[in-house]
Amino acid sequence: MPSNSADPVARRVNAALDRLAGDLPRLGIALSGGGDSTALMHLAKGWARGRCLMAATVDHSLRPESAEEARQAHRAAQALEIPHATLLWRRDDPGGNLMAAARDARLRLLAGWAARNELSAVLLGHTRDDQAETLLMRLGRGAGVDGLSGMAPARTAFDMRWLRPMLDVSRAELRDWLAVRDIGWTDDPSNDNPDYDRVRIRKALAALDLPAAQLAQSAANLAMARDALQEFAAEVAEGAEARAASLILPLTRFRHAPLEIRRRVLVAGLRWVSGADYPPRRESVLHALTAINTGARIALDGVLAEPRCDRLRLIREPAAALRAPAAQPDAAGVALWDGRWRLAGLAPGETVGALGHEALPDLNWRQSGLGRDEAAASPAVRRDGELLAAPLLRPHPRITANALRGPEQFRAVLYTH
């Protein structure tokens, strides 16, 4: 077996792992059993140097063979003494985009598994070829700079860190690497199904002999442009304030910024307030920007945007807060609600939900310093439907409420891609 010093694939992947995960003691591996993820597992095992590695396979149950493929992945991980779990997806809604639903389900299942095992991040097996295919797919959808920047080596989504250490390695190199070591893998027949966009793009790349390396370089060049735009957006948002899970932005600087910068700042603010994993549609954001420029108050993605004097206030829309599922306390009396609040001091049988407008007259909400809608979207504690506490409006002897996000998290969202 070639040593790492004479192994260009291992050398590049190890360098990427050092850069992306060098300070992380516990890592997960998304293992499909295909050539890319199988190579990733073996390469990560050789690099780990005492770190804890765990692997998980998502069985989408979309093909009869998927259960056996998951068992093969389990055996492959066991052979390397890597703990492995199979995560089953049971699709509730048969409508919509199957591939998009399967992708989100995969990430959610893996994120939950990683969190339960206290893993710092999950490694994904995307390659240079995936990067080139992603660029062309997004180009066909009219993507902007962010989309055409391709897949990032590191990103946060579904409350988990995702790392791609093989974006500088081709699919063919990985299969050669496995073949030399007599390591087998499973080929998914859906990778040849022309019903899927990515498969059609892959075939077009081969038919036109388009070089994946150069396409990936184009994505990298656009990523540099994206980074410059993010820096500009951060400057425009300088001085943003977080208060009671609402965000306050400097409006004059915002209004004088170029359209693309305003779009970025607004999208980051919307996601900061709502906790959404994805931004709203571009057309909706552009419409909102036009309305904000005229001084209008608008609702978008469960967030109210209110331009007032020299401030743009982004607050949770009360109707969206009311739709958020009620939260129950854990054994320690703590509950996380609406992705925005952490409540402590709760007793069994108490639930957390939105306060709502109807409760405001009895609480003298104006003294809280919050706006009417802001107060209505704040957390309330109830038992059997009866209001027990509204911690933001009236102090309670045992129940406290603290916002989960502050200015640092807003800046992080600005840089999310």
Protein backbone atom coordinates (compact mmCIF):
# COMPACT_ATOMS: atom_id res chain seq x y z
CA MET A 1 0.00 0.00 0.00
CA PRO A 2 1.52 3.39 -0.94
CA SER A 3 2.58 5.61 1.94
CA ASN A 4 0.88 8.95 2.49
CA SER A 5 4.04 10.76 1.43
CA ALA A 6 3.73 9.15 -2.01
CA ASP A 7 -0.05 9.36 -2.05
CA PRO A 8 -1.30 12.61 -3.66
CA VAL A 9 -4.95 11.85 -2.86
CA ALA A 10 -4.33 11.29 0.84
CA ARG A 11 -2.00 14.27 0.96
CA ARG A 12 -4.65 16.65 -0.43
CA VAL A 13 -7.47 15.25 1.68
CA ASN A 14 -5.34 15.26 4.83
CA ALA A 15 -4.41 18.89 4.21
CA ALA A 16 -8.09 19.78 3.82
CA LEU A 17 -9.00 17.86 6.98
CA ASP A 18 -6.21 19.63 8.89
CA ARG A 19 -7.59 22.97 7.73
CA LEU A 20 -11.28 22.22 8.26
CA ALA A 21 -11.28 19.88 11.26
CA GLY A 22 -7.84 19.97 12.82
CA ASP A 23 -9.22 21.25 16.14
CA LEU A 24 -12.31 19.01 16.23
CA PRO A 25 -12.09 15.89 18.44
CA ARG A 26 -15.33 14.14 17.36
CA LEU A 27 -16.42 13.83 13.73
CA GLY A 28 -19.18 12.09 11.84
CA ILE A 29 -19.00 10.64 8.33
CA ALA A 30 -21.99 10.57 5.99
CA LEU A 31 -21.54 7.11 4.49
CA SER A 32 -23.71 6.13 1.53
CA GLY A 33 -21.53 3.16 0.63
CA GLY A 34 -20.68 4.62 -2.77
CA GLY A 35 -17.14 5.17 -3.98
CA ASP A 36 -16.82 8.77 -2.78
CA SER A 37 -18.04 8.29 0.78
CA THR A 38 -16.23 4.96 1.11
CA ALA A 39 -12.97 6.63 0.14
CA LEU A 40 -13.73 9.46 2.56
CA MET A 41 -14.20 7.01 5.42
CA HIS A 42 -10.89 5.25 4.74
CA LEU A 43 -9.02 8.52 4.26
CA ALA A 44 -10.50 10.00 7.44
CA LYS A 45 -9.55 6.85 9.36
CA GLY A 46 -5.94 7.22 8.23
CA TRP A 47 -5.92 10.90 9.19
CA ALA A 48 -7.83 10.75 12.49
CA ARG A 49 -4.86 10.22 14.84
CA GLY A 50 -6.92 9.38 17.92
CA ARG A 51 -9.97 11.47 17.10
CA CYS A 52 -13.38 9.89 17.53
CA LEU A 53 -14.95 8.95 14.20
CA MET A 54 -18.51 7.73 13.73
CA ALA A 55 -20.42 6.97 10.53
CA ALA A 56 -24.09 6.97 9.57
CA THR A 57 -26.02 5.86 6.51
CA VAL A 58 -29.42 7.27 5.59
CA ASP A 59 -31.75 4.66 4.12
CA HIS A 60 -34.35 6.62 2.14
CA SER A 61 -36.26 3.39 1.38
CA LEU A 62 -36.73 4.58 -2.21
CA ARG A 63 -35.33 1.37 -3.75
CA PRO A 64 -35.67 -2.29 -2.75
CA GLU A 65 -31.87 -2.62 -2.55
CA SER A 66 -31.37 0.28 -0.12
CA ALA A 67 -31.63 -1.81 3.07
CA GLU A 68 -28.93 -4.24 1.92
CA GLU A 69 -26.73 -1.33 0.82
CA ALA A 70 -27.06 0.16 4.29
CA ARG A 71 -26.03 -3.19 5.79
CA GLN A 72 -22.98 -3.28 3.50
CA ALA A 73 -22.03 0.24 4.64
CA HIS A 74 -22.42 -0.93 8.23
CA ARG A 75 -20.04 -3.85 7.64
CA ALA A 76 -17.52 -1.59 5.91
CA ALA A 77 -17.49 0.80 8.88
CA GLN A 78 -17.24 -2.06 11.35
CA ALA A 79 -14.19 -3.41 9.50
CA LEU A 80 -12.46 -0.11 10.30
CA GLU A 81 -13.75 -0.17 13.90
CA ILE A 82 -15.86 2.92 13.24
CA PRO A 83 -19.24 2.92 15.06
CA HIS A 84 -22.05 3.02 12.51
CA ALA A 85 -25.78 3.80 12.54
CA THR A 86 -28.46 3.39 9.88
CA LEU A 87 -31.02 6.20 9.83
CA LEU A 88 -34.40 5.43 8.25
CA TRP A 89 -36.45 8.05 6.39
CA ARG A 90 -40.19 7.60 6.38
CA ARG A 91 -41.62 10.06 3.90
CA ASP A 92 -44.79 11.70 5.23
CA ASP A 93 -45.72 13.89 2.24
CA PRO A 94 -45.69 12.11 -1.15
CA GLY A 95 -45.95 15.41 -3.07
CA GLY A 96 -43.32 17.95 -4.05
CA ASN A 97 -39.76 17.54 -5.27
CA LEU A 98 -38.62 14.06 -4.26
CA MET A 99 -34.89 14.77 -4.58
CA ALA A 100 -35.09 18.01 -2.59
CA ALA A 101 -37.17 16.29 0.10
CA ALA A 102 -34.71 13.39 0.27
CA ARG A 103 -31.74 15.77 0.50
CA ASP A 104 -33.27 17.78 3.35
CA ALA A 105 -34.35 14.60 5.14
CA ARG A 106 -30.83 13.23 4.84
CA LEU A 107 -29.31 16.36 6.36
CA ARG A 108 -31.89 16.55 9.14
CA LEU A 109 -31.42 12.89 10.07
CA LEU A 110 -27.64 13.18 10.02
CA ALA A 111 -27.73 16.43 12.01
CA GLY A 112 -29.91 14.83 14.67
CA TRP A 113 -27.66 11.76 14.84
CA ALA A 114 -24.55 13.96 15.12
CA ALA A 115 -26.08 16.09 17.86
CA ARG A 116 -27.13 13.02 19.88
CA ASN A 117 -23.55 11.74 19.68
CA GLU A 118 -22.02 15.14 20.49
CA LEU A 119 -20.15 15.29 17.20
CA SER A 120 -18.60 18.61 16.22
CA ALA A 121 -19.18 18.25 12.47
CA VAL A 122 -20.14 15.79 9.74
CA LEU A 123 -17.85 15.01 6.79
CA LEU A 124 -19.45 14.85 3.33
CA GLY A 125 -17.96 13.06 0.33
CA HIS A 126 -18.48 15.69 -2.38
CA THR A 127 -15.73 15.85 -5.02
CA ARG A 128 -14.43 18.18 -7.70
CA ASP A 129 -16.87 16.57 -10.13
CA ASP A 130 -19.79 17.33 -7.82
CA GLN A 131 -18.58 20.93 -7.69
CA ALA A 132 -18.55 21.21 -11.49
CA GLU A 133 -22.00 19.59 -11.77
CA THR A 134 -23.39 21.92 -9.11
CA LEU A 135 -22.09 24.98 -10.97
CA LEU A 136 -23.82 23.96 -14.21
CA MET A 137 -27.06 22.99 -12.46
CA ARG A 138 -27.26 26.32 -10.68
CA LEU A 139 -26.32 28.20 -13.84
CA GLY A 140 -29.33 26.61 -15.52
CA ARG A 141 -31.53 27.87 -12.69
CA GLY A 142 -30.38 31.46 -13.00
CA ALA A 143 -28.38 31.47 -9.76
CA GLY A 144 -26.48 34.53 -8.57
CA VAL A 145 -22.96 34.84 -7.24
CA ASP A 146 -23.67 32.77 -4.12
CA GLY A 147 -25.13 29.85 -6.05
CA LEU A 148 -22.42 29.92 -8.70
CA SER A 149 -19.76 29.91 -6.00
CA GLY A 150 -20.50 26.22 -5.71
CA MET A 151 -20.40 24.11 -2.59
CA ALA A 152 -18.44 25.56 0.32
CA PRO A 153 -15.78 23.46 2.05
CA ALA A 154 -17.52 24.28 5.35
CA ARG A 155 -21.03 25.43 6.12
CA THR A 156 -23.59 25.37 8.91
CA ALA A 157 -27.14 24.13 8.32
CA PHE A 158 -29.74 22.34 10.44
CA ASP A 159 -27.72 23.38 13.51
CA MET A 160 -24.73 21.30 12.40
CA ARG A 161 -21.35 21.96 10.79
CA TRP A 162 -20.82 20.21 7.43
CA LEU A 163 -17.32 19.74 6.02
CA ARG A 164 -16.28 18.76 2.48
CA PRO A 165 -12.58 17.84 2.50
CA MET A 166 -12.51 16.24 -1.00
CA LEU A 167 -13.51 19.16 -3.26
CA ASP A 168 -9.99 19.21 -4.69
CA VAL A 169 -10.09 15.52 -5.68
CA SER A 170 -11.81 14.02 -8.72
CA ARG A 171 -14.22 11.10 -8.66
CA ALA A 172 -11.89 9.09 -10.91
CA GLU A 173 -8.93 9.64 -8.57
CA LEU A 174 -10.93 8.31 -5.64
CA ARG A 175 -11.97 5.18 -7.50
CA ASP A 176 -8.40 4.55 -8.59
CA TRP A 177 -7.32 5.05 -4.97
CA LEU A 178 -9.85 2.45 -3.81
CA ALA A 179 -8.99 -0.02 -6.59
CA VAL A 180 -5.27 0.05 -5.77
CA ARG A 181 -6.16 -0.88 -2.18
CA ASP A 182 -8.73 -3.50 -3.22
CA ILE A 183 -11.49 -1.64 -1.37
CA GLY A 184 -14.97 -2.25 -2.74
CA TRP A 185 -17.96 0.06 -2.85
CA THR A 186 -21.60 0.04 -3.93
CA ASP A 187 -22.78 1.77 -7.09
CA ASP A 188 -26.21 3.37 -6.75
CA PRO A 189 -28.18 2.70 -9.98
CA SER A 190 -29.99 6.02 -9.58
CA ASN A 191 -26.70 7.67 -10.51
CA ASP A 192 -27.46 6.60 -14.09
CA ASN A 193 -31.14 7.60 -14.05
CA PRO A 194 -31.67 10.47 -16.54
CA ASP A 195 -34.83 11.52 -14.66
CA TYR A 196 -32.54 13.33 -12.22
CA ASP A 197 -31.06 16.75 -13.07
CA ARG A 198 -27.62 15.90 -11.74
CA VAL A 199 -27.39 12.75 -13.87
CA ARG A 200 -28.32 14.69 -17.02
CA ILE A 201 -25.70 17.32 -16.19
CA ARG A 202 -23.12 14.58 -15.58
CA LYS A 203 -23.84 13.03 -18.96
CA ALA A 204 -23.67 16.45 -20.65
CA LEU A 205 -20.28 17.11 -19.07
CA ALA A 206 -19.00 13.81 -20.44
CA ALA A 207 -20.54 14.30 -23.89
CA LEU A 208 -19.09 17.81 -24.27
CA ASP A 209 -15.80 16.84 -22.62
CA LEU A 210 -16.06 19.84 -20.29
CA PRO A 211 -13.15 19.89 -17.82
CA ALA A 212 -14.35 19.51 -14.24
CA ALA A 213 -11.19 21.09 -12.85
CA GLN A 214 -11.68 24.33 -14.78
CA LEU A 215 -15.37 24.49 -13.92
CA ALA A 216 -14.52 24.00 -10.25
CA GLN A 217 -11.93 26.79 -10.59
CA SER A 218 -14.64 29.09 -11.95
CA ALA A 219 -16.72 28.32 -8.87
CA ALA A 220 -13.70 29.13 -6.69
CA ASN A 221 -13.21 32.45 -8.50
CA LEU A 222 -16.85 33.36 -7.92
CA ALA A 223 -16.47 32.35 -4.28
CA MET A 224 -13.81 35.05 -3.91
CA ALA A 225 -16.26 37.60 -5.34
CA ARG A 226 -18.92 36.34 -2.92
CA ASP A 227 -16.53 36.78 0.02
CA ALA A 228 -15.91 40.40 -0.99
CA LEU A 229 -19.67 41.04 -1.12
CA GLN A 230 -20.05 39.50 2.32
CA GLU A 231 -17.40 41.85 3.71
CA PHE A 232 -19.21 44.83 2.19
CA ALA A 233 -22.52 43.65 3.66
CA ALA A 234 -20.92 43.28 7.10
CA GLU A 235 -19.68 46.89 6.91
CA VAL A 236 -23.17 48.14 6.01
CA ALA A 237 -24.65 46.19 8.94
CA GLU A 238 -22.03 47.42 11.40
CA GLY A 239 -23.72 48.54 14.59
CA ALA A 240 -26.63 46.08 14.35
CA GLU A 241 -28.31 45.57 17.72
CA ALA A 242 -30.11 42.51 19.07
CA ARG A 243 -32.96 43.02 21.52
CA ALA A 244 -35.51 40.50 22.73
CA ALA A 245 -34.91 38.23 19.70
CA SER A 246 -35.40 41.21 17.36
CA LEU A 247 -32.76 42.83 15.18
CA ILE A 248 -32.22 46.56 14.70
CA LEU A 249 -30.17 47.68 11.68
CA PRO A 250 -28.80 51.14 10.78
CA LEU A 251 -31.24 52.29 8.10
CA THR A 252 -29.42 55.23 6.46
CA ARG A 253 -26.35 53.19 5.60
CA PHE A 254 -28.62 50.35 4.47
CA ARG A 255 -30.58 52.61 2.10
CA HIS A 256 -27.44 53.98 0.47
CA ALA A 257 -25.89 50.56 -0.17
CA PRO A 258 -26.08 48.85 -3.61
CA LEU A 259 -29.08 46.61 -4.16
CA GLU A 260 -27.13 43.36 -3.84
CA ILE A 261 -25.67 44.44 -0.50
CA ARG A 262 -29.09 45.44 0.82
CA ARG A 263 -30.44 42.08 -0.31
CA ARG A 264 -27.71 40.25 1.58
CA VAL A 265 -28.22 42.21 4.79
CA LEU A 266 -31.99 41.79 4.70
CA VAL A 267 -31.80 38.04 3.97
CA ALA A 268 -29.34 37.56 6.84
CA GLY A 269 -31.62 39.53 9.16
CA LEU A 270 -34.68 37.52 8.14
CA ARG A 271 -32.88 34.25 8.74
CA TRP A 272 -31.49 35.49 12.07
CA VAL A 273 -34.98 36.27 13.35
CA SER A 274 -36.82 33.28 11.89
CA GLY A 275 -34.07 30.67 12.20
CA ALA A 276 -34.86 29.49 8.66
CA ASP A 277 -32.30 27.18 7.04
CA TYR A 278 -32.87 28.71 3.60
CA PRO A 279 -33.46 32.28 2.39
CA PRO A 280 -36.79 33.38 0.91
CA ARG A 281 -37.20 33.63 -2.86
CA ARG A 282 -35.20 36.37 -4.52
CA GLU A 283 -38.28 38.01 -6.06
CA SER A 284 -39.93 38.30 -2.65
CA VAL A 285 -36.80 39.86 -1.15
CA LEU A 286 -36.51 42.42 -3.98
CA HIS A 287 -40.17 43.37 -3.52
CA ALA A 288 -39.56 43.81 0.21
CA LEU A 289 -36.54 46.02 -0.44
CA THR A 290 -38.63 48.28 -2.66
CA ALA A 291 -41.29 48.56 0.06
CA ILE A 292 -38.71 49.28 2.78
CA ASN A 293 -37.21 52.03 0.62
CA THR A 294 -40.61 53.80 0.61
CA GLY A 295 -40.94 53.46 4.38
CA ALA A 296 -43.55 50.70 4.23
CA ARG A 297 -43.87 47.97 6.85
CA ILE A 298 -43.78 44.50 5.30
CA ALA A 299 -44.03 40.85 6.35
CA LEU A 300 -41.79 38.21 4.80
CA ASP A 301 -40.88 34.69 5.87
CA GLY A 302 -42.46 35.06 9.30
CA VAL A 303 -40.66 38.35 10.00
CA LEU A 304 -41.94 41.95 10.13
CA ALA A 305 -39.61 44.64 8.74
CA GLU A 306 -40.33 48.13 10.09
CA PRO A 307 -38.33 51.13 8.85
CA ARG A 308 -38.47 53.83 11.53
CA CYS A 309 -36.36 57.00 11.56
CA ASP A 310 -32.78 55.77 11.21
CA ARG A 311 -33.48 52.16 12.17
CA LEU A 312 -34.76 49.08 10.38
CA ARG A 313 -36.39 46.79 12.92
CA LEU A 314 -36.82 43.10 12.12
CA ILE A 315 -39.16 41.33 14.54
CA ARG A 316 -40.92 37.98 14.63
CA GLU A 317 -44.35 38.14 13.02
CA PRO A 318 -46.93 37.31 15.74
CA ALA A 319 -48.88 35.01 13.42
CA ALA A 320 -45.72 33.00 12.72
CA ALA A 321 -44.92 32.80 16.45
CA LEU A 322 -48.45 31.53 17.12
CA ARG A 323 -47.91 28.77 14.53
CA ALA A 324 -44.70 27.63 16.22
CA PRO A 325 -45.20 24.31 18.05
CA ALA A 326 -45.59 24.55 21.81
CA ALA A 327 -42.47 23.55 23.76
CA GLN A 328 -42.39 21.25 26.77
CA PRO A 329 -39.72 21.46 29.50
CA ASP A 330 -37.08 18.77 29.80
CA ALA A 331 -36.11 17.10 33.06
CA ALA A 332 -34.10 20.19 34.03
CA GLY A 333 -37.08 22.50 33.48
CA VAL A 334 -35.66 23.98 30.27
CA ALA A 335 -37.49 24.44 26.96
CA LEU A 336 -36.36 25.85 23.60
CA TRP A 337 -39.17 27.56 21.73
CA ASP A 338 -39.58 28.91 18.18
CA GLY A 339 -35.84 28.58 17.57
CA ARG A 340 -35.44 31.94 19.37
CA TRP A 341 -35.88 31.48 23.11
CA ARG A 342 -34.54 29.38 25.97
CA LEU A 343 -36.86 29.27 28.96
CA ALA A 344 -35.71 27.89 32.31
CA GLY A 345 -37.39 27.24 35.64
CA LEU A 346 -40.39 25.49 34.11
CA ALA A 347 -42.41 22.88 35.96
CA PRO A 348 -43.89 19.66 34.54
CA GLY A 349 -47.16 20.28 32.73
CA GLU A 350 -46.25 23.82 31.70
CA THR A 351 -45.93 24.67 28.02
CA VAL A 352 -44.35 27.54 26.09
CA GLY A 353 -46.03 29.28 23.16
CA ALA A 354 -46.61 32.75 21.77
CA LEU A 355 -48.22 35.32 24.06
CA GLY A 356 -50.54 36.71 21.37
CA HIS A 357 -52.32 40.07 21.19
CA GLU A 358 -55.31 39.10 23.34
CA ALA A 359 -53.23 38.85 26.51
CA LEU A 360 -51.55 42.25 26.14
CA PRO A 361 -54.16 44.57 27.77
CA ASP A 362 -53.78 42.83 31.16
CA LEU A 363 -49.97 42.99 31.13
CA ASN A 364 -49.26 46.72 30.66
CA TRP A 365 -46.97 45.74 27.78
CA ARG A 366 -45.90 49.32 26.95
CA GLN A 367 -43.75 49.46 30.09
CA SER A 368 -41.64 46.61 28.70
CA GLY A 369 -40.24 48.84 25.96
CA LEU A 370 -41.33 46.35 23.32
CA GLY A 371 -43.58 47.15 20.39
CA ARG A 372 -47.09 45.67 20.36
CA ASP A 373 -46.31 42.97 17.79
CA GLU A 374 -42.96 42.30 19.39
CA ALA A 375 -44.67 41.69 22.72
CA ALA A 376 -47.34 39.51 21.11
CA ALA A 377 -44.63 37.30 19.55
CA SER A 378 -42.80 36.91 22.88
CA PRO A 379 -42.90 33.63 24.84
CA ALA A 380 -45.66 32.85 27.29
CA VAL A 381 -45.94 29.98 29.76
CA ARG A 382 -49.32 28.30 30.22
CA ARG A 383 -50.78 25.40 32.12
CA ASP A 384 -54.04 23.86 30.89
CA GLY A 385 -54.50 26.90 28.67
CA GLU A 386 -54.21 29.41 31.52
CA LEU A 387 -51.49 32.07 31.28
CA LEU A 388 -48.92 31.68 34.06
CA ALA A 389 -46.06 33.90 32.93
CA ALA A 390 -44.97 36.35 30.24
CA PRO A 391 -41.31 36.70 31.27
CA LEU A 392 -40.45 39.56 28.91
CA LEU A 393 -43.33 41.71 30.10
CA ARG A 394 -43.50 40.85 33.79
CA PRO A 395 -40.68 39.29 35.87
CA HIS A 396 -41.45 35.87 37.29
CA PRO A 397 -39.89 34.45 40.49
CA ARG A 398 -38.75 31.19 38.86
CA ILE A 399 -39.19 31.41 35.08
CA THR A 400 -36.63 33.17 32.89
CA ALA A 401 -36.43 33.67 29.13
CA ASN A 402 -33.22 34.33 27.21
CA ALA A 403 -32.81 34.93 23.48
CA LEU A 404 -30.75 32.26 21.71
CA ARG A 405 -29.08 34.63 19.23
CA GLY A 406 -27.15 37.88 19.53
CA PRO A 407 -25.14 40.19 17.23
CA GLU A 408 -22.38 37.59 16.85
CA GLN A 409 -24.83 35.09 15.40
CA PHE A 410 -26.16 37.72 12.98
CA ARG A 411 -22.66 38.35 11.70
CA ALA A 412 -22.19 34.59 11.32
CA VAL A 413 -25.38 34.37 9.23
CA LEU A 414 -24.06 37.19 7.00
CA TYR A 415 -21.09 34.99 6.21
CA THR A 416 -23.12 31.79 5.78
CA HIS A 417 -23.05 30.24 2.30
